[in-house]
Amino acid sequence: MFTSPTGEMFTSRKEYVNSINLDTDLIMLYLWRGERTPQNKEEQKWKEELEAIRSRGETPEFNFD
């Protein structure tokens, strides 16, 4: 079992990382790390953009509120 910072219970960390209830900044971070599977076309586009950034040797800035 995995408990999220907000107290939600998941069967695994993988299930949490792929949850639809995450904030956009966390989704982007997990896509960058390669931990999240894109859940829709928008996330696939974000992943492609992040891979382009990585290929240039840059690191994106993730702003958490």
Protein backbone atom coordinates (compact mmCIF):
# COMPACT_ATOMS: atom_id res chain seq x y z
CA MET A 1 0.00 0.00 0.00
CA PHE A 2 1.09 3.55 -0.71
CA THR A 3 -0.30 6.62 1.00
CA SER A 4 -0.11 9.92 -0.87
CA PRO A 5 0.87 13.16 0.89
CA THR A 6 -2.85 14.02 0.97
CA GLY A 7 -3.73 10.75 2.70
CA GLU A 8 -5.18 8.85 -0.27
CA MET A 9 -4.42 5.13 -0.31
CA PHE A 10 -3.11 3.41 -3.44
CA THR A 11 -2.14 -0.20 -4.04
CA SER A 12 1.32 0.92 -5.20
CA ARG A 13 3.48 3.97 -5.87
CA LYS A 14 3.05 3.30 -9.60
CA GLU A 15 -0.73 3.61 -9.23
CA TYR A 16 -0.23 6.92 -7.38
CA VAL A 17 2.18 8.31 -9.99
CA ASN A 18 -0.32 7.48 -12.77
CA SER A 19 -3.31 8.89 -10.87
CA ILE A 20 -5.59 11.36 -12.64
CA ASN A 21 -5.89 13.37 -9.43
CA LEU A 22 -2.36 14.79 -9.44
CA ASP A 23 -1.57 18.47 -9.93
CA THR A 24 -0.09 19.41 -13.29
CA ASP A 25 3.32 20.17 -11.79
CA LEU A 26 3.54 16.67 -10.32
CA ILE A 27 2.41 15.12 -13.59
CA MET A 28 5.16 17.01 -15.43
CA LEU A 29 7.76 15.99 -12.85
CA TYR A 30 6.82 12.31 -13.06
CA LEU A 31 6.80 12.46 -16.86
CA TRP A 32 10.29 14.05 -16.76
CA ARG A 33 11.56 11.31 -14.47
CA GLY A 34 10.02 8.61 -16.68
CA GLU A 35 7.88 7.33 -13.83
CA ARG A 36 4.50 8.23 -15.34
CA THR A 37 2.89 6.81 -18.45
CA PRO A 38 1.14 9.56 -20.43
CA GLN A 39 -2.60 9.24 -19.79
CA ASN A 40 -3.87 11.24 -22.79
CA LYS A 41 -2.74 13.17 -25.87
CA GLU A 42 -1.94 16.30 -23.86
CA GLU A 43 0.37 14.40 -21.54
CA GLN A 44 2.01 12.70 -24.54
CA LYS A 45 2.72 16.17 -25.97
CA TRP A 46 4.20 17.28 -22.63
CA LYS A 47 6.41 14.17 -22.55
CA GLU A 48 7.68 14.89 -26.07
CA GLU A 49 8.46 18.49 -25.08
CA LEU A 50 10.28 17.30 -21.96
CA GLU A 51 12.30 14.80 -24.01
CA ALA A 52 13.27 17.63 -26.39
CA ILE A 53 14.46 19.68 -23.41
CA ARG A 54 16.46 16.69 -22.12
CA SER A 55 18.04 16.13 -25.55
CA ARG A 56 19.33 19.72 -25.48
CA GLY A 57 20.99 18.99 -22.13
CA GLU A 58 18.68 21.33 -20.25
CA THR A 59 16.57 20.80 -17.14
CA PRO A 60 13.08 22.26 -16.84
CA GLU A 61 12.09 24.28 -13.81
CA PHE A 62 9.16 22.82 -11.86
CA ASN A 63 7.34 25.39 -9.73
CA PHE A 64 5.39 23.86 -6.90
CA ASP A 65 2.75 25.96 -5.18
